[in-house]
């Protein structure tokens, strides 16, 4: 009887091994098929294009160049999964340039209702190839005063280089990408970060910051208005001027809130109406669930 059971066990063991091999083979076939379908849909039916994907060379990817001479007061930029840079224009002309190096662009640009719209959409392809893509979107804008600037990143990256502009309102939003913004001064700003990484430098005015599970650093040029900050499970750091002081309304559930102002450091618990730091005192409201927040100078 024991010999019979042993034989049956061996039989079913072989059946399980064959079943696993079949599953692996089917998975490989499906993955390979999806790969070639994505390439065909992206590049057209050109056998040379398939090798170009691997080599990251040009494959039906075209450069994009747009010029706008009309003036506008608002800017809206949305980046899906590409790389974008905002630079100052040498004159009053706005230029949007996409330099293709492997991934085809799907970029919409227009000036409408006193607003410059630049939207980079996701292209159907295997997302892993975007990690090795050198394509870049450059947006050159005139250095002047604006009413509203809105910047959004899904899983790509957006930064500024040599930019000096002013706006009444600056709005930034990031899902899981990277954003590094410098040279945009404002009278009011708002930031939402899900799980990406964001650095804002040179801001001022009234602030509203919400962080879910990402990392945000805000470097103030001027400390001249109230701040509202909410952290769920991420990390948020404010670097403020030397004379900055806070009138703190803080509630911490299970995270941490710390300060290092004018040589005095410590942690906030659940406090209201507590003043710390220098003579330039602004109202600060903080809510921390399980993340961490720090205010330093």
C-alpha atoms as a PDB file:
ATOM      1  CA  UNK A   1       0.000   0.000   0.000  1.00  0.00           C
ATOM      2  CA  UNK A   2       2.807   2.387   0.891  1.00  0.00           C
ATOM      3  CA  UNK A   3       4.530   1.608  -2.411  1.00  0.00           C
ATOM      4  CA  UNK A   4       1.330   2.452  -4.285  1.00  0.00           C
ATOM      5  CA  UNK A   5       1.009   5.785  -2.481  1.00  0.00           C
ATOM      6  CA  UNK A   6       4.627   6.561  -3.219  1.00  0.00           C
ATOM      7  CA  UNK A   7       4.124   5.917  -6.925  1.00  0.00           C
ATOM      8  CA  UNK A   8       0.997   8.062  -7.001  1.00  0.00           C
ATOM      9  CA  UNK A   9       2.825  10.883  -5.239  1.00  0.00           C
ATOM     10  CA  UNK A  10       5.588  10.766  -7.828  1.00  0.00           C
ATOM     11  CA  UNK A  11       3.037  10.765 -10.639  1.00  0.00           C
ATOM     12  CA  UNK A  12       1.199  13.832  -9.376  1.00  0.00           C
ATOM     13  CA  UNK A  13       4.514  15.552  -8.700  1.00  0.00           C
ATOM     14  CA  UNK A  14       5.455  15.151 -12.356  1.00  0.00           C
ATOM     15  CA  UNK A  15       2.030  16.424 -13.393  1.00  0.00           C
ATOM     16  CA  UNK A  16       2.530  19.561 -11.265  1.00  0.00           C
ATOM     17  CA  UNK A  17       5.962  20.142 -12.819  1.00  0.00           C
ATOM     18  CA  UNK A  18       4.532  19.821 -16.328  1.00  0.00           C
ATOM     19  CA  UNK A  19       1.701  22.191 -15.407  1.00  0.00           C
ATOM     20  CA  UNK A  20       4.189  24.787 -14.112  1.00  0.00           C
ATOM     21  CA  UNK A  21       6.239  24.488 -17.305  1.00  0.00           C
ATOM     22  CA  UNK A  22       3.135  25.018 -19.419  1.00  0.00           C
ATOM     23  CA  UNK A  23       2.140  28.102 -17.394  1.00  0.00           C
ATOM     24  CA  UNK A  24       5.625  29.574 -17.798  1.00  0.00           C
ATOM     25  CA  UNK A  25       5.591  28.905 -21.547  1.00  0.00           C
ATOM     26  CA  UNK A  26       2.176  30.508 -21.986  1.00  0.00           C
ATOM     27  CA  UNK A  27       3.238  33.530 -19.925  1.00  0.00           C
ATOM     28  CA  UNK A  28       6.363  33.950 -22.088  1.00  0.00           C
ATOM     29  CA  UNK A  29       4.346  33.775 -25.317  1.00  0.00           C
ATOM     30  CA  UNK A  30       1.781  36.304 -24.078  1.00  0.00           C
ATOM     31  CA  UNK A  31       4.480  38.718 -22.831  1.00  0.00           C
ATOM     32  CA  UNK A  32       6.397  38.505 -26.117  1.00  0.00           C
ATOM     33  CA  UNK A  33       3.230  39.058 -28.136  1.00  0.00           C
ATOM     34  CA  UNK A  34       2.266  42.108 -26.071  1.00  0.00           C
ATOM     35  CA  UNK A  35       5.759  43.501 -26.508  1.00  0.00           C
ATOM     36  CA  UNK A  36       5.667  43.364 -30.293  1.00  0.00           C
ATOM     37  CA  UNK A  37       2.101  44.657 -30.388  1.00  0.00           C
ATOM     38  CA  UNK A  38       3.102  47.710 -28.329  1.00  0.00           C
ATOM     39  CA  UNK A  39       6.068  48.375 -30.622  1.00  0.00           C
ATOM     40  CA  UNK A  40       3.970  47.970 -33.762  1.00  0.00           C
ATOM     41  CA  UNK A  41       1.288  50.328 -32.460  1.00  0.00           C
ATOM     42  CA  UNK A  42       3.929  52.870 -31.493  1.00  0.00           C
ATOM     43  CA  UNK A  43       6.299  52.727 -34.471  1.00  0.00           C
ATOM     44  CA  UNK A  44       4.345  51.239 -37.343  1.00  0.00           C
ATOM     45  CA  UNK A  45       5.025  47.896 -38.958  1.00  0.00           C
ATOM     46  CA  UNK A  46       8.713  48.290 -39.639  1.00  0.00           C
ATOM     47  CA  UNK A  47      11.022  45.443 -38.689  1.00  0.00           C
ATOM     48  CA  UNK A  48      13.954  47.809 -38.209  1.00  0.00           C
ATOM     49  CA  UNK A  49      11.956  49.628 -35.549  1.00  0.00           C
ATOM     50  CA  UNK A  50      11.999  46.608 -33.244  1.00  0.00           C
ATOM     51  CA  UNK A  51      15.767  46.705 -32.997  1.00  0.00           C
ATOM     52  CA  UNK A  52      15.673  50.462 -32.560  1.00  0.00           C
ATOM     53  CA  UNK A  53      13.626  50.026 -29.393  1.00  0.00           C
ATOM     54  CA  UNK A  54      16.407  47.988 -27.844  1.00  0.00           C
ATOM     55  CA  UNK A  55      19.174  50.240 -29.120  1.00  0.00           C
ATOM     56  CA  UNK A  56      17.222  53.403 -28.182  1.00  0.00           C
ATOM     57  CA  UNK A  57      17.893  55.031 -31.549  1.00  0.00           C
ATOM     58  CA  UNK A  58      15.496  57.071 -33.665  1.00  0.00           C
ATOM     59  CA  UNK A  59      12.454  55.101 -34.763  1.00  0.00           C
ATOM     60  CA  UNK A  60       9.724  57.171 -36.284  1.00  0.00           C
ATOM     61  CA  UNK A  61      10.230  59.673 -33.452  1.00  0.00           C
ATOM     62  CA  UNK A  62       9.925  63.236 -34.673  1.00  0.00           C
ATOM     63  CA  UNK A  63      11.102  66.485 -33.151  1.00  0.00           C
ATOM     64  CA  UNK A  64       8.405  68.980 -32.217  1.00  0.00           C
ATOM     65  CA  UNK A  65       8.855  72.750 -32.366  1.00  0.00           C
ATOM     66  CA  UNK A  66       6.240  75.428 -31.707  1.00  0.00           C
ATOM     67  CA  UNK A  67       6.465  79.202 -31.382  1.00  0.00           C
ATOM     68  CA  UNK A  68       3.888  81.519 -29.827  1.00  0.00           C
ATOM     69  CA  UNK A  69       4.199  85.272 -30.237  1.00  0.00           C
ATOM     70  CA  UNK A  70       0.927  86.066 -28.478  1.00  0.00           C
ATOM     71  CA  UNK A  71       1.000  87.122 -24.853  1.00  0.00           C
ATOM     72  CA  UNK A  72      -0.677  85.202 -22.026  1.00  0.00           C
ATOM     73  CA  UNK A  73      -1.112  85.594 -18.268  1.00  0.00           C
ATOM     74  CA  UNK A  74      -1.459  81.952 -17.192  1.00  0.00           C
ATOM     75  CA  UNK A  75       0.557  78.769 -17.724  1.00  0.00           C
ATOM     76  CA  UNK A  76      -0.596  75.159 -17.480  1.00  0.00           C
ATOM     77  CA  UNK A  77       1.986  72.389 -17.951  1.00  0.00           C
ATOM     78  CA  UNK A  78       1.183  68.682 -17.586  1.00  0.00           C
ATOM     79  CA  UNK A  79       3.898  66.042 -17.855  1.00  0.00           C
ATOM     80  CA  UNK A  80       2.926  62.379 -17.980  1.00  0.00           C
ATOM     81  CA  UNK A  81       6.077  60.235 -18.130  1.00  0.00           C
ATOM     82  CA  UNK A  82       8.643  62.328 -20.003  1.00  0.00           C
ATOM     83  CA  UNK A  83      11.380  64.783 -19.049  1.00  0.00           C
ATOM     84  CA  UNK A  84      10.668  68.511 -19.214  1.00  0.00           C
ATOM     85  CA  UNK A  85      12.573  71.715 -18.445  1.00  0.00           C
ATOM     86  CA  UNK A  86      11.262  75.274 -18.152  1.00  0.00           C
ATOM     87  CA  UNK A  87      13.746  77.957 -19.217  1.00  0.00           C
ATOM     88  CA  UNK A  88      13.617  81.716 -19.800  1.00  0.00           C
ATOM     89  CA  UNK A  89      13.039  82.895 -23.345  1.00  0.00           C
ATOM     90  CA  UNK A  90      15.559  85.300 -24.828  1.00  0.00           C
ATOM     91  CA  UNK A  91      12.725  87.523 -26.058  1.00  0.00           C
ATOM     92  CA  UNK A  92       8.934  87.806 -25.872  1.00  0.00           C
ATOM     93  CA  UNK A  93       8.420  84.651 -27.936  1.00  0.00           C
ATOM     94  CA  UNK A  94       7.410  81.392 -26.244  1.00  0.00           C
ATOM     95  CA  UNK A  95       9.033  78.249 -27.611  1.00  0.00           C
ATOM     96  CA  UNK A  96       8.148  74.602 -27.025  1.00  0.00           C
ATOM     97  CA  UNK A  97      10.769  72.149 -28.274  1.00  0.00           C
ATOM     98  CA  UNK A  98      10.680  68.361 -28.095  1.00  0.00           C
ATOM     99  CA  UNK A  99      13.952  66.670 -29.016  1.00  0.00           C
ATOM    100  CA  UNK A 100      13.170  63.060 -29.898  1.00  0.00           C
ATOM    101  CA  UNK A 101      15.662  60.339 -29.065  1.00  0.00           C
ATOM    102  CA  UNK A 102      13.677  57.149 -29.137  1.00  0.00           C
ATOM    103  CA  UNK A 103      10.191  57.620 -27.712  1.00  0.00           C
ATOM    104  CA  UNK A 104       7.580  59.228 -29.994  1.00  0.00           C
ATOM    105  CA  UNK A 105       6.001  62.360 -28.600  1.00  0.00           C
ATOM    106  CA  UNK A 106       2.341  63.032 -28.012  1.00  0.00           C
ATOM    107  CA  UNK A 107       2.464  66.699 -27.115  1.00  0.00           C
ATOM    108  CA  UNK A 108      -0.352  69.235 -27.285  1.00  0.00           C
ATOM    109  CA  UNK A 109       0.479  72.948 -27.181  1.00  0.00           C
ATOM    110  CA  UNK A 110      -1.716  76.004 -27.636  1.00  0.00           C
ATOM    111  CA  UNK A 111      -2.429  79.478 -26.336  1.00  0.00           C
ATOM    112  CA  UNK A 112      -6.101  79.776 -25.482  1.00  0.00           C
ATOM    113  CA  UNK A 113      -8.140  81.930 -23.103  1.00  0.00           C
ATOM    114  CA  UNK A 114      -5.051  83.881 -22.012  1.00  0.00           C
ATOM    115  CA  UNK A 115      -3.314  80.594 -21.061  1.00  0.00           C
ATOM    116  CA  UNK A 116      -0.350  78.665 -22.451  1.00  0.00           C
ATOM    117  CA  UNK A 117      -1.188  74.960 -22.415  1.00  0.00           C
ATOM    118  CA  UNK A 118       1.529  72.320 -22.739  1.00  0.00           C
ATOM    119  CA  UNK A 119       0.460  68.717 -22.261  1.00  0.00           C
ATOM    120  CA  UNK A 120       2.686  65.672 -22.697  1.00  0.00           C
ATOM    121  CA  UNK A 121       0.610  62.509 -22.899  1.00  0.00           C
ATOM    122  CA  UNK A 122       1.563  58.906 -22.258  1.00  0.00           C
ATOM    123  CA  UNK A 123       2.470  56.953 -25.403  1.00  0.00           C
ATOM    124  CA  UNK A 124       1.522  53.290 -25.758  1.00  0.00           C
ATOM    125  CA  UNK A 125       4.788  51.407 -25.346  1.00  0.00           C
ATOM    126  CA  UNK A 126       6.531  49.381 -22.712  1.00  0.00           C
ATOM    127  CA  UNK A 127       7.180  51.840 -19.900  1.00  0.00           C
ATOM    128  CA  UNK A 128      10.602  50.314 -19.138  1.00  0.00           C
ATOM    129  CA  UNK A 129      12.001  51.874 -22.318  1.00  0.00           C
ATOM    130  CA  UNK A 130      11.239  55.379 -21.049  1.00  0.00           C
ATOM    131  CA  UNK A 131      13.849  54.799 -18.336  1.00  0.00           C
ATOM    132  CA  UNK A 132      16.552  54.734 -21.024  1.00  0.00           C
ATOM    133  CA  UNK A 133      15.064  57.441 -23.219  1.00  0.00           C
ATOM    134  CA  UNK A 134      16.969  60.703 -23.733  1.00  0.00           C
ATOM    135  CA  UNK A 135      14.064  62.613 -25.264  1.00  0.00           C
ATOM    136  CA  UNK A 136      13.472  66.014 -23.692  1.00  0.00           C
ATOM    137  CA  UNK A 137      10.799  68.678 -23.708  1.00  0.00           C
ATOM    138  CA  UNK A 138      12.030  72.261 -23.285  1.00  0.00           C
ATOM    139  CA  UNK A 139       9.578  75.098 -22.630  1.00  0.00           C
ATOM    140  CA  UNK A 140      10.949  78.640 -22.967  1.00  0.00           C
ATOM    141  CA  UNK A 141       8.733  81.354 -21.504  1.00  0.00           C
ATOM    142  CA  UNK A 142       9.164  85.149 -21.285  1.00  0.00           C
ATOM    143  CA  UNK A 143      10.380  86.452 -17.933  1.00  0.00           C
ATOM    144  CA  UNK A 144       7.491  88.601 -16.746  1.00  0.00           C
ATOM    145  CA  UNK A 145       4.623  88.682 -14.241  1.00  0.00           C
ATOM    146  CA  UNK A 146       1.915  86.002 -14.508  1.00  0.00           C
ATOM    147  CA  UNK A 147      -1.424  85.489 -12.794  1.00  0.00           C
ATOM    148  CA  UNK A 148      -1.368  81.717 -12.390  1.00  0.00           C
ATOM    149  CA  UNK A 149       1.175  78.969 -13.050  1.00  0.00           C
ATOM    150  CA  UNK A 150       0.053  75.344 -12.761  1.00  0.00           C
ATOM    151  CA  UNK A 151       2.596  72.501 -12.980  1.00  0.00           C
ATOM    152  CA  UNK A 152       1.679  68.813 -12.874  1.00  0.00           C
ATOM    153  CA  UNK A 153       3.769  65.614 -13.132  1.00  0.00           C
ATOM    154  CA  UNK A 154       2.479  62.044 -13.149  1.00  0.00           C
ATOM    155  CA  UNK A 155       5.558  59.817 -13.354  1.00  0.00           C
ATOM    156  CA  UNK A 156       8.011  61.941 -15.330  1.00  0.00           C
ATOM    157  CA  UNK A 157      10.239  64.828 -14.296  1.00  0.00           C
ATOM    158  CA  UNK A 158       9.997  68.617 -14.465  1.00  0.00           C
ATOM    159  CA  UNK A 159      12.592  71.218 -13.511  1.00  0.00           C
ATOM    160  CA  UNK A 160      13.520  74.838 -14.128  1.00  0.00           C
ATOM    161  CA  UNK A 161      16.841  76.299 -15.308  1.00  0.00           C
ATOM    162  CA  UNK A 162      17.798  79.954 -14.931  1.00  0.00           C
ATOM    163  CA  UNK A 163      14.195  81.055 -14.602  1.00  0.00           C
ATOM    164  CA  UNK A 164      13.159  84.298 -12.863  1.00  0.00           C
ATOM    165  CA  UNK A 165       9.421  85.018 -13.047  1.00  0.00           C
ATOM    166  CA  UNK A 166       6.667  86.198 -10.721  1.00  0.00           C
ATOM    167  CA  UNK A 167       3.134  84.897 -10.408  1.00  0.00           C
ATOM    168  CA  UNK A 168       0.191  85.593  -8.153  1.00  0.00           C
ATOM    169  CA  UNK A 169      -0.549  81.878  -7.718  1.00  0.00           C
ATOM    170  CA  UNK A 170       1.734  78.862  -8.098  1.00  0.00           C
ATOM    171  CA  UNK A 171       0.121  75.425  -8.088  1.00  0.00           C
ATOM    172  CA  UNK A 172       2.154  72.228  -8.209  1.00  0.00           C
ATOM    173  CA  UNK A 173       1.013  68.617  -8.198  1.00  0.00           C
ATOM    174  CA  UNK A 174       2.997  65.382  -8.443  1.00  0.00           C
ATOM    175  CA  UNK A 175       1.976  61.723  -8.377  1.00  0.00           C
ATOM    176  CA  UNK A 176       5.122  59.602  -8.484  1.00  0.00           C
ATOM    177  CA  UNK A 177       7.637  61.606 -10.499  1.00  0.00           C
ATOM    178  CA  UNK A 178      10.252  64.247  -9.721  1.00  0.00           C
ATOM    179  CA  UNK A 179       9.815  68.023  -9.651  1.00  0.00           C
ATOM    180  CA  UNK A 180      12.502  70.622  -8.923  1.00  0.00           C
ATOM    181  CA  UNK A 181      11.229  74.195  -9.257  1.00  0.00           C
ATOM    182  CA  UNK A 182      13.306  77.312  -8.627  1.00  0.00           C
ATOM    183  CA  UNK A 183      12.965  80.941  -9.689  1.00  0.00           C
ATOM    184  CA  UNK A 184       9.172  81.324  -9.515  1.00  0.00           C
ATOM    185  CA  UNK A 185       8.249  83.842  -6.833  1.00  0.00           C
ATOM    186  CA  UNK A 186       4.601  84.027  -5.817  1.00  0.00           C
ATOM    187  CA  UNK A 187       2.138  85.599  -3.418  1.00  0.00           C
ATOM    188  CA  UNK A 188       0.344  82.285  -2.859  1.00  0.00           C
ATOM    189  CA  UNK A 189       1.232  78.658  -3.535  1.00  0.00           C
ATOM    190  CA  UNK A 190      -0.332  75.219  -3.149  1.00  0.00           C
ATOM    191  CA  UNK A 191       1.288  71.807  -3.436  1.00  0.00           C
ATOM    192  CA  UNK A 192      -0.013  68.242  -3.551  1.00  0.00           C
ATOM    193  CA  UNK A 193       2.350  65.276  -3.528  1.00  0.00           C
ATOM    194  CA  UNK A 194       1.248  61.635  -3.623  1.00  0.00           C
ATOM    195  CA  UNK A 195       4.397  59.531  -3.699  1.00  0.00           C
ATOM    196  CA  UNK A 196       6.976  61.459  -5.704  1.00  0.00           C
ATOM    197  CA  UNK A 197       9.773  63.858  -4.826  1.00  0.00           C
ATOM    198  CA  UNK A 198       9.403  67.629  -5.018  1.00  0.00           C
ATOM    199  CA  UNK A 199      11.601  70.621  -4.231  1.00  0.00           C
ATOM    200  CA  UNK A 200      10.252  74.173  -4.361  1.00  0.00           C
ATOM    201  CA  UNK A 201      12.775  76.980  -3.943  1.00  0.00           C
ATOM    202  CA  UNK A 202      12.284  80.733  -3.792  1.00  0.00           C
ATOM    203  CA  UNK A 203       8.618  80.709  -2.827  1.00  0.00           C
ATOM    204  CA  UNK A 204       6.818  83.132  -0.533  1.00  0.00           C
ATOM    205  CA  UNK A 205       3.313  84.099   0.475  1.00  0.00           C
ATOM    206  CA  UNK A 206       0.426  82.017   1.736  1.00  0.00           C
ATOM    207  CA  UNK A 207       1.123  78.293   1.484  1.00  0.00           C
ATOM    208  CA  UNK A 208      -0.946  75.125   1.443  1.00  0.00           C
ATOM    209  CA  UNK A 209       0.930  71.810   1.260  1.00  0.00           C
ATOM    210  CA  UNK A 210      -0.466  68.277   1.296  1.00  0.00           C
ATOM    211  CA  UNK A 211       1.785  65.206   1.277  1.00  0.00           C
ATOM    212  CA  UNK A 212       0.510  61.630   1.145  1.00  0.00           C
ATOM    213  CA  UNK A 213       3.563  59.396   0.996  1.00  0.00           C
ATOM    214  CA  UNK A 214       6.118  61.375  -0.975  1.00  0.00           C
ATOM    215  CA  UNK A 215       8.945  63.730  -0.058  1.00  0.00           C
ATOM    216  CA  UNK A 216       8.612  67.516  -0.306  1.00  0.00           C
ATOM    217  CA  UNK A 217      11.122  70.265   0.508  1.00  0.00           C
ATOM    218  CA  UNK A 218      10.060  73.933   0.436  1.00  0.00           C
ATOM    219  CA  UNK A 219      12.756  76.620   0.548  1.00  0.00           C
ATOM    220  CA  UNK A 220      11.328  80.056   1.348  1.00  0.00           C
ATOM    221  CA  UNK A 221      12.694  83.301  -0.083  1.00  0.00           C
ATOM    222  CA  UNK A 222      10.389  85.368   2.149  1.00  0.00           C
ATOM    223  CA  UNK A 223       8.404  84.411   5.237  1.00  0.00           C
ATOM    224  CA  UNK A 224       5.432  86.728   4.939  1.00  0.00           C
ATOM    225  CA  UNK A 225       2.129  84.838   5.236  1.00  0.00           C
ATOM    226  CA  UNK A 226       0.378  81.871   6.819  1.00  0.00           C
ATOM    227  CA  UNK A 227       1.107  78.197   6.144  1.00  0.00           C
ATOM    228  CA  UNK A 228      -1.153  75.157   6.222  1.00  0.00           C
ATOM    229  CA  UNK A 229       0.521  71.746   6.035  1.00  0.00           C
ATOM    230  CA  UNK A 230      -0.890  68.228   6.126  1.00  0.00           C
ATOM    231  CA  UNK A 231       1.201  65.037   6.070  1.00  0.00           C
ATOM    232  CA  UNK A 232      -0.224  61.516   5.931  1.00  0.00           C
ATOM    233  CA  UNK A 233       2.781  59.226   5.754  1.00  0.00           C
ATOM    234  CA  UNK A 234       5.343  61.220   3.798  1.00  0.00           C
ATOM    235  CA  UNK A 235       8.113  63.658   4.633  1.00  0.00           C
ATOM    236  CA  UNK A 236       7.836  67.460   4.542  1.00  0.00           C
ATOM    237  CA  UNK A 237      10.578  69.996   5.274  1.00  0.00           C
ATOM    238  CA  UNK A 238      10.316  73.798   5.331  1.00  0.00           C
ATOM    239  CA  UNK A 239      13.472  75.893   5.244  1.00  0.00           C
ATOM    240  CA  UNK A 240      12.631  79.454   6.265  1.00  0.00           C
ATOM    241  CA  UNK A 241      14.620  82.737   6.634  1.00  0.00           C
ATOM    242  CA  UNK A 242      16.639  83.506   9.760  1.00  0.00           C
ATOM    243  CA  UNK A 243      14.098  85.877  11.318  1.00  0.00           C
ATOM    244  CA  UNK A 244      11.151  83.509  10.829  1.00  0.00           C
ATOM    245  CA  UNK A 245       8.908  82.676  13.744  1.00  0.00           C
ATOM    246  CA  UNK A 246       5.799  80.514  13.981  1.00  0.00           C
ATOM    247  CA  UNK A 247       2.522  80.723  15.828  1.00  0.00           C
ATOM    248  CA  UNK A 248       1.851  77.001  15.896  1.00  0.00           C
ATOM    249  CA  UNK A 249      -1.410  75.096  15.714  1.00  0.00           C
ATOM    250  CA  UNK A 250      -0.227  71.485  15.584  1.00  0.00           C
ATOM    251  CA  UNK A 251      -1.847  68.087  15.919  1.00  0.00           C
ATOM    252  CA  UNK A 252       0.246  64.930  15.658  1.00  0.00           C
ATOM    253  CA  UNK A 253      -1.388  61.504  15.609  1.00  0.00           C
ATOM    254  CA  UNK A 254       1.479  59.048  15.228  1.00  0.00           C
ATOM    255  CA  UNK A 255       4.139  60.885  13.240  1.00  0.00           C
ATOM    256  CA  UNK A 256       6.609  63.584  14.234  1.00  0.00           C
ATOM    257  CA  UNK A 257       6.855  67.377  13.985  1.00  0.00           C
ATOM    258  CA  UNK A 258      10.151  69.109  14.746  1.00  0.00           C
ATOM    259  CA  UNK A 259      11.601  72.609  14.606  1.00  0.00           C
ATOM    260  CA  UNK A 260      15.066  74.150  14.549  1.00  0.00           C
ATOM    261  CA  UNK A 261      14.613  77.927  14.626  1.00  0.00           C
ATOM    262  CA  UNK A 262      17.121  80.577  15.704  1.00  0.00           C
ATOM    263  CA  UNK A 263      19.244  78.075  17.580  1.00  0.00           C
ATOM    264  CA  UNK A 264      16.337  76.511  19.435  1.00  0.00           C
ATOM    265  CA  UNK A 265      15.216  73.033  18.491  1.00  0.00           C
ATOM    266  CA  UNK A 266      12.635  70.586  19.707  1.00  0.00           C
ATOM    267  CA  UNK A 267       9.469  68.777  18.755  1.00  0.00           C
ATOM    268  CA  UNK A 268       5.849  69.845  18.467  1.00  0.00           C
ATOM    269  CA  UNK A 269       3.231  67.790  20.159  1.00  0.00           C
ATOM    270  CA  UNK A 270      -0.414  68.712  19.987  1.00  0.00           C
ATOM    271  CA  UNK A 271      -0.213  72.437  20.683  1.00  0.00           C
ATOM    272  CA  UNK A 272      -2.137  75.588  19.838  1.00  0.00           C
ATOM    273  CA  UNK A 273      -0.994  79.178  20.106  1.00  0.00           C
ATOM    274  CA  UNK A 274       2.628  78.239  20.870  1.00  0.00           C
ATOM    275  CA  UNK A 275       5.213  80.631  19.466  1.00  0.00           C
ATOM    276  CA  UNK A 276       8.707  79.584  18.399  1.00  0.00           C
ATOM    277  CA  UNK A 277      11.598  81.192  16.524  1.00  0.00           C
ATOM    278  CA  UNK A 278      12.230  84.774  15.476  1.00  0.00           C
ATOM    279  CA  UNK A 279      10.235  87.994  15.541  1.00  0.00           C
ATOM    280  CA  UNK A 280       8.689  87.587  12.067  1.00  0.00           C
ATOM    281  CA  UNK A 281       5.848  85.378  13.302  1.00  0.00           C
ATOM    282  CA  UNK A 282       3.368  83.786  10.892  1.00  0.00           C
ATOM    283  CA  UNK A 283       0.469  81.439  11.623  1.00  0.00           C
ATOM    284  CA  UNK A 284       1.289  77.796  10.918  1.00  0.00           C
ATOM    285  CA  UNK A 285      -1.260  74.971  11.004  1.00  0.00           C
ATOM    286  CA  UNK A 286       0.124  71.427  10.923  1.00  0.00           C
ATOM    287  CA  UNK A 287      -1.633  68.072  10.831  1.00  0.00           C
ATOM    288  CA  UNK A 288       0.484  64.908  10.886  1.00  0.00           C
ATOM    289  CA  UNK A 289      -1.015  61.411  10.679  1.00  0.00           C
ATOM    290  CA  UNK A 290       1.966  59.079  10.476  1.00  0.00           C
ATOM    291  CA  UNK A 291       4.566  61.058   8.508  1.00  0.00           C
ATOM    292  CA  UNK A 292       7.071  63.658   9.587  1.00  0.00           C
ATOM    293  CA  UNK A 293       7.437  67.409   9.240  1.00  0.00           C
ATOM    294  CA  UNK A 294      10.294  69.790  10.031  1.00  0.00           C
ATOM    295  CA  UNK A 295      10.628  73.590  10.069  1.00  0.00           C
ATOM    296  CA  UNK A 296      14.216  74.883   9.988  1.00  0.00           C
ATOM    297  CA  UNK A 297      16.276  77.967   9.380  1.00  0.00           C
END
